[in-house]
Amino acid sequence: IKYQEILEKIMESIKIKQALLEDFRIVNTLISNTGGPTLYKTTFGQYNVSSLIETSIISLIAVSNDNRNVPYAFISVNDIVSLSTEMEYESALKIIGNYFPVNSMNTLFINFLVFDERTSNIQLTSNELMKDLFRQLPTLEYLFWTIPQSFPITEFISNLFDIVDIFDEDH
């Protein structure tokens, strides 16, 4: 069996789709299974899953490709900075613009993100989720996630994202 065949077989068991309002229960289950609402309020500020889905530029969910809809991952992306930071959009673009050629047409922000890291193949699932996001938004070049400095960066997160501390002068 070739590597590509294995990947295709795994991805057949996963469905990535645009999140709809009726998916809020699935997302809430994922949140409960991965640390609970308090953890996510600390990371993302006050949130309402239905509002995130409804007001985002795009929200995607990865679930099992069967009638159980077991949730694996959820991302909500918008053109505003996450609620977890007091940074305004224009300020964020200006600071980030010191390091990357960003503008309002090629840059979006992750407003909410949750992965069930205990799930087998979550690295592959999360990579496919991100690829699908960029496929659906062809003008998107930069996706930023502003997080509190106290946020624990796991090995999984550091494998998925390039981490840039814009407040660290040695980065």
C-alpha atoms as a PDB file:
ATOM      1  CA  ILE A   1       0.000   0.000   0.000  1.00  0.00           C
ATOM      2  CA  LYS A   2       1.332   3.386  -0.938  1.00  0.00           C
ATOM      3  CA  TYR A   3       1.405   6.343   1.438  1.00  0.00           C
ATOM      4  CA  GLN A   4      -1.053   8.318  -0.715  1.00  0.00           C
ATOM      5  CA  GLU A   5      -3.514   5.416  -0.635  1.00  0.00           C
ATOM      6  CA  ILE A   6      -3.343   5.342   3.158  1.00  0.00           C
ATOM      7  CA  LEU A   7      -3.989   9.078   3.346  1.00  0.00           C
ATOM      8  CA  GLU A   8      -6.957   8.782   1.011  1.00  0.00           C
ATOM      9  CA  LYS A   9      -8.390   5.904   3.060  1.00  0.00           C
ATOM     10  CA  ILE A  10      -8.093   7.920   6.274  1.00  0.00           C
ATOM     11  CA  MET A  11      -9.641  10.996   4.698  1.00  0.00           C
ATOM     12  CA  GLU A  12     -12.596   8.917   3.475  1.00  0.00           C
ATOM     13  CA  SER A  13     -13.571   8.521   7.131  1.00  0.00           C
ATOM     14  CA  ILE A  14     -13.547  12.290   7.723  1.00  0.00           C
ATOM     15  CA  LYS A  15     -15.902  14.925   6.379  1.00  0.00           C
ATOM     16  CA  ILE A  16     -14.846  18.588   6.312  1.00  0.00           C
ATOM     17  CA  LYS A  17     -17.701  20.947   5.624  1.00  0.00           C
ATOM     18  CA  GLN A  18     -18.831  24.482   6.133  1.00  0.00           C
ATOM     19  CA  ALA A  19     -20.363  24.726   9.600  1.00  0.00           C
ATOM     20  CA  LEU A  20     -24.051  25.548   9.665  1.00  0.00           C
ATOM     21  CA  LEU A  21     -26.090  26.936  12.539  1.00  0.00           C
ATOM     22  CA  GLU A  22     -27.494  23.496  13.281  1.00  0.00           C
ATOM     23  CA  ASP A  23     -23.918  22.276  13.873  1.00  0.00           C
ATOM     24  CA  PHE A  24     -23.623  24.296  17.094  1.00  0.00           C
ATOM     25  CA  ARG A  25     -24.447  21.218  19.196  1.00  0.00           C
ATOM     26  CA  ILE A  26     -21.649  19.239  17.525  1.00  0.00           C
ATOM     27  CA  VAL A  27     -19.202  22.095  18.163  1.00  0.00           C
ATOM     28  CA  ASN A  28     -20.345  22.393  21.790  1.00  0.00           C
ATOM     29  CA  THR A  29     -19.737  18.645  22.202  1.00  0.00           C
ATOM     30  CA  LEU A  30     -16.223  19.112  20.829  1.00  0.00           C
ATOM     31  CA  ILE A  31     -15.624  21.991  23.261  1.00  0.00           C
ATOM     32  CA  SER A  32     -16.874  19.901  26.186  1.00  0.00           C
ATOM     33  CA  ASN A  33     -14.679  16.959  25.143  1.00  0.00           C
ATOM     34  CA  THR A  34     -11.525  19.071  24.918  1.00  0.00           C
ATOM     35  CA  GLY A  35     -11.354  21.112  28.091  1.00  0.00           C
ATOM     36  CA  GLY A  36     -14.741  22.736  28.440  1.00  0.00           C
ATOM     37  CA  PRO A  37     -16.068  26.263  27.971  1.00  0.00           C
ATOM     38  CA  THR A  38     -13.857  27.823  30.660  1.00  0.00           C
ATOM     39  CA  LEU A  39     -10.672  26.876  28.809  1.00  0.00           C
ATOM     40  CA  TYR A  40     -11.958  28.395  25.582  1.00  0.00           C
ATOM     41  CA  LYS A  41     -13.207  31.576  27.267  1.00  0.00           C
ATOM     42  CA  THR A  42      -9.693  32.070  28.612  1.00  0.00           C
ATOM     43  CA  THR A  43      -8.255  31.636  25.118  1.00  0.00           C
ATOM     44  CA  PHE A  44     -10.890  33.319  22.949  1.00  0.00           C
ATOM     45  CA  GLY A  45     -12.849  35.561  25.307  1.00  0.00           C
ATOM     46  CA  GLN A  46     -16.623  35.418  25.546  1.00  0.00           C
ATOM     47  CA  TYR A  47     -18.039  33.470  22.640  1.00  0.00           C
ATOM     48  CA  ASN A  48     -21.254  32.005  21.347  1.00  0.00           C
ATOM     49  CA  VAL A  49     -20.852  29.171  18.854  1.00  0.00           C
ATOM     50  CA  SER A  50     -23.992  30.053  16.918  1.00  0.00           C
ATOM     51  CA  SER A  51     -22.843  33.667  16.574  1.00  0.00           C
ATOM     52  CA  LEU A  52     -19.371  32.566  15.500  1.00  0.00           C
ATOM     53  CA  ILE A  53     -20.859  30.412  12.753  1.00  0.00           C
ATOM     54  CA  GLU A  54     -23.355  33.036  11.667  1.00  0.00           C
ATOM     55  CA  THR A  55     -21.035  36.065  11.591  1.00  0.00           C
ATOM     56  CA  SER A  56     -17.773  34.504  10.422  1.00  0.00           C
ATOM     57  CA  ILE A  57     -16.414  34.821   6.925  1.00  0.00           C
ATOM     58  CA  ILE A  58     -16.164  31.057   7.081  1.00  0.00           C
ATOM     59  CA  SER A  59     -16.449  28.370   9.737  1.00  0.00           C
ATOM     60  CA  LEU A  60     -15.448  24.796   9.001  1.00  0.00           C
ATOM     61  CA  ILE A  61     -16.017  21.623  10.945  1.00  0.00           C
ATOM     62  CA  ALA A  62     -14.369  18.215  10.611  1.00  0.00           C
ATOM     63  CA  VAL A  63     -16.547  15.284  11.654  1.00  0.00           C
ATOM     64  CA  SER A  64     -16.684  11.553  11.114  1.00  0.00           C
ATOM     65  CA  ASN A  65     -18.078  10.664   7.713  1.00  0.00           C
ATOM     66  CA  ASP A  66     -20.943   8.603   9.092  1.00  0.00           C
ATOM     67  CA  ASN A  67     -24.293   9.262  10.722  1.00  0.00           C
ATOM     68  CA  ARG A  68     -22.666   9.748  14.150  1.00  0.00           C
ATOM     69  CA  ASN A  69     -20.963  13.059  13.186  1.00  0.00           C
ATOM     70  CA  VAL A  70     -18.222  12.627  15.782  1.00  0.00           C
ATOM     71  CA  PRO A  71     -16.521  16.057  15.967  1.00  0.00           C
ATOM     72  CA  TYR A  72     -12.762  16.330  15.429  1.00  0.00           C
ATOM     73  CA  ALA A  73     -12.116  20.003  14.739  1.00  0.00           C
ATOM     74  CA  PHE A  74     -13.751  23.403  14.282  1.00  0.00           C
ATOM     75  CA  ILE A  75     -12.389  26.715  13.026  1.00  0.00           C
ATOM     76  CA  SER A  76     -14.087  30.080  12.684  1.00  0.00           C
ATOM     77  CA  VAL A  77     -12.333  32.785  10.676  1.00  0.00           C
ATOM     78  CA  ASN A  78     -13.137  36.451  10.322  1.00  0.00           C
ATOM     79  CA  ASP A  79     -11.651  39.769   9.319  1.00  0.00           C
ATOM     80  CA  ILE A  80     -11.540  40.921  12.928  1.00  0.00           C
ATOM     81  CA  VAL A  81      -9.039  40.037  15.625  1.00  0.00           C
ATOM     82  CA  SER A  82     -10.057  37.373  18.134  1.00  0.00           C
ATOM     83  CA  LEU A  83     -12.127  38.458  21.100  1.00  0.00           C
ATOM     84  CA  SER A  84      -9.327  37.263  23.380  1.00  0.00           C
ATOM     85  CA  THR A  85      -7.242  40.323  22.618  1.00  0.00           C
ATOM     86  CA  GLU A  86      -7.933  43.977  23.103  1.00  0.00           C
ATOM     87  CA  MET A  87      -5.975  44.730  19.936  1.00  0.00           C
ATOM     88  CA  GLU A  88      -7.964  46.504  17.240  1.00  0.00           C
ATOM     89  CA  TYR A  89      -7.916  45.228  13.666  1.00  0.00           C
ATOM     90  CA  GLU A  90      -5.957  48.156  12.199  1.00  0.00           C
ATOM     91  CA  SER A  91      -3.417  47.993  15.043  1.00  0.00           C
ATOM     92  CA  ALA A  92      -2.989  44.270  14.511  1.00  0.00           C
ATOM     93  CA  LEU A  93      -2.468  44.723  10.767  1.00  0.00           C
ATOM     94  CA  LYS A  94       0.074  47.478  11.392  1.00  0.00           C
ATOM     95  CA  ILE A  95       2.087  45.417  13.883  1.00  0.00           C
ATOM     96  CA  ILE A  96       1.898  42.236  11.798  1.00  0.00           C
ATOM     97  CA  GLY A  97       2.699  44.311   8.707  1.00  0.00           C
ATOM     98  CA  ASN A  98       6.142  44.949  10.163  1.00  0.00           C
ATOM     99  CA  TYR A  99       6.890  41.265   9.557  1.00  0.00           C
ATOM    100  CA  PHE A 100       4.582  40.145   6.733  1.00  0.00           C
ATOM    101  CA  PRO A 101       3.161  41.858   3.601  1.00  0.00           C
ATOM    102  CA  VAL A 102      -0.416  41.865   4.891  1.00  0.00           C
ATOM    103  CA  ASN A 103      -3.402  43.930   3.847  1.00  0.00           C
ATOM    104  CA  SER A 104      -7.153  43.799   4.336  1.00  0.00           C
ATOM    105  CA  MET A 105      -7.585  41.678   1.188  1.00  0.00           C
ATOM    106  CA  ASN A 106      -5.108  38.871   1.963  1.00  0.00           C
ATOM    107  CA  THR A 107      -5.356  38.528   5.736  1.00  0.00           C
ATOM    108  CA  LEU A 108      -7.880  36.960   8.091  1.00  0.00           C
ATOM    109  CA  PHE A 109      -7.892  36.038  11.772  1.00  0.00           C
ATOM    110  CA  ILE A 110      -8.846  32.861  13.577  1.00  0.00           C
ATOM    111  CA  ASN A 111     -11.622  33.791  15.971  1.00  0.00           C
ATOM    112  CA  PHE A 112     -12.132  30.303  17.350  1.00  0.00           C
ATOM    113  CA  LEU A 113     -10.271  27.049  16.981  1.00  0.00           C
ATOM    114  CA  VAL A 114     -10.666  23.693  18.636  1.00  0.00           C
ATOM    115  CA  PHE A 115      -9.104  20.323  17.809  1.00  0.00           C
ATOM    116  CA  ASP A 116      -9.581  17.070  19.640  1.00  0.00           C
ATOM    117  CA  GLU A 117      -5.876  16.245  19.932  1.00  0.00           C
ATOM    118  CA  ARG A 118      -6.724  12.804  21.368  1.00  0.00           C
ATOM    119  CA  THR A 119      -8.225  11.740  18.050  1.00  0.00           C
ATOM    120  CA  SER A 120      -6.099   9.455  15.914  1.00  0.00           C
ATOM    121  CA  ASN A 121      -5.013  11.170  12.710  1.00  0.00           C
ATOM    122  CA  ILE A 122      -5.790  14.637  14.097  1.00  0.00           C
ATOM    123  CA  GLN A 123      -2.609  16.038  12.511  1.00  0.00           C
ATOM    124  CA  LEU A 124      -3.808  14.908   9.086  1.00  0.00           C
ATOM    125  CA  THR A 125      -7.349  16.095   9.782  1.00  0.00           C
ATOM    126  CA  SER A 126      -6.168  19.526  10.903  1.00  0.00           C
ATOM    127  CA  ASN A 127      -3.866  19.872   7.886  1.00  0.00           C
ATOM    128  CA  GLU A 128      -6.758  19.020   5.572  1.00  0.00           C
ATOM    129  CA  LEU A 129      -9.016  21.466   7.416  1.00  0.00           C
ATOM    130  CA  MET A 130      -6.489  24.261   6.829  1.00  0.00           C
ATOM    131  CA  LYS A 131      -5.995  23.294   3.177  1.00  0.00           C
ATOM    132  CA  ASP A 132      -9.746  23.354   2.662  1.00  0.00           C
ATOM    133  CA  LEU A 133      -9.963  26.777   4.279  1.00  0.00           C
ATOM    134  CA  PHE A 134      -7.353  28.205   1.900  1.00  0.00           C
ATOM    135  CA  ARG A 135      -9.009  26.467  -1.086  1.00  0.00           C
ATOM    136  CA  GLN A 136     -12.316  28.107  -0.278  1.00  0.00           C
ATOM    137  CA  LEU A 137     -10.728  31.535   0.173  1.00  0.00           C
ATOM    138  CA  PRO A 138      -8.370  31.886  -2.810  1.00  0.00           C
ATOM    139  CA  THR A 139      -7.273  35.465  -1.992  1.00  0.00           C
ATOM    140  CA  LEU A 140      -6.248  34.462   1.521  1.00  0.00           C
ATOM    141  CA  GLU A 141      -2.476  34.477   2.002  1.00  0.00           C
ATOM    142  CA  TYR A 142      -2.153  35.006   5.755  1.00  0.00           C
ATOM    143  CA  LEU A 143      -4.169  33.545   8.585  1.00  0.00           C
ATOM    144  CA  PHE A 144      -3.300  34.817  12.042  1.00  0.00           C
ATOM    145  CA  TRP A 145      -4.302  33.625  15.456  1.00  0.00           C
ATOM    146  CA  THR A 146      -3.706  36.133  18.207  1.00  0.00           C
ATOM    147  CA  ILE A 147      -3.489  34.347  21.515  1.00  0.00           C
ATOM    148  CA  PRO A 148      -2.837  35.458  25.079  1.00  0.00           C
ATOM    149  CA  GLN A 149       0.780  35.072  26.150  1.00  0.00           C
ATOM    150  CA  SER A 150      -0.399  32.655  28.844  1.00  0.00           C
ATOM    151  CA  PHE A 151      -1.805  30.255  26.236  1.00  0.00           C
ATOM    152  CA  PRO A 152      -0.067  26.846  26.428  1.00  0.00           C
ATOM    153  CA  ILE A 153       1.410  26.017  23.016  1.00  0.00           C
ATOM    154  CA  THR A 154       1.255  22.240  22.633  1.00  0.00           C
ATOM    155  CA  GLU A 155       3.477  20.221  20.323  1.00  0.00           C
ATOM    156  CA  PHE A 156       0.457  19.674  18.093  1.00  0.00           C
ATOM    157  CA  ILE A 157      -0.133  23.432  17.731  1.00  0.00           C
ATOM    158  CA  SER A 158       3.533  24.167  17.072  1.00  0.00           C
ATOM    159  CA  ASN A 159       3.532  21.491  14.350  1.00  0.00           C
ATOM    160  CA  LEU A 160       0.455  23.015  12.699  1.00  0.00           C
ATOM    161  CA  PHE A 161       1.372  26.704  12.897  1.00  0.00           C
ATOM    162  CA  ASP A 162       4.433  28.866  12.545  1.00  0.00           C
ATOM    163  CA  ILE A 163       4.645  30.657  15.883  1.00  0.00           C
ATOM    164  CA  VAL A 164       5.687  34.303  15.783  1.00  0.00           C
ATOM    165  CA  ASP A 165       5.795  36.322  18.980  1.00  0.00           C
ATOM    166  CA  ILE A 166       5.419  39.879  17.676  1.00  0.00           C
ATOM    167  CA  PHE A 167       6.268  41.249  21.089  1.00  0.00           C
ATOM    168  CA  ASP A 168       9.564  39.326  21.338  1.00  0.00           C
ATOM    169  CA  GLU A 169      12.305  41.419  19.793  1.00  0.00           C
ATOM    170  CA  ASP A 170      14.491  38.352  19.172  1.00  0.00           C
ATOM    171  CA  HIS A 171      11.971  36.340  17.108  1.00  0.00           C
END
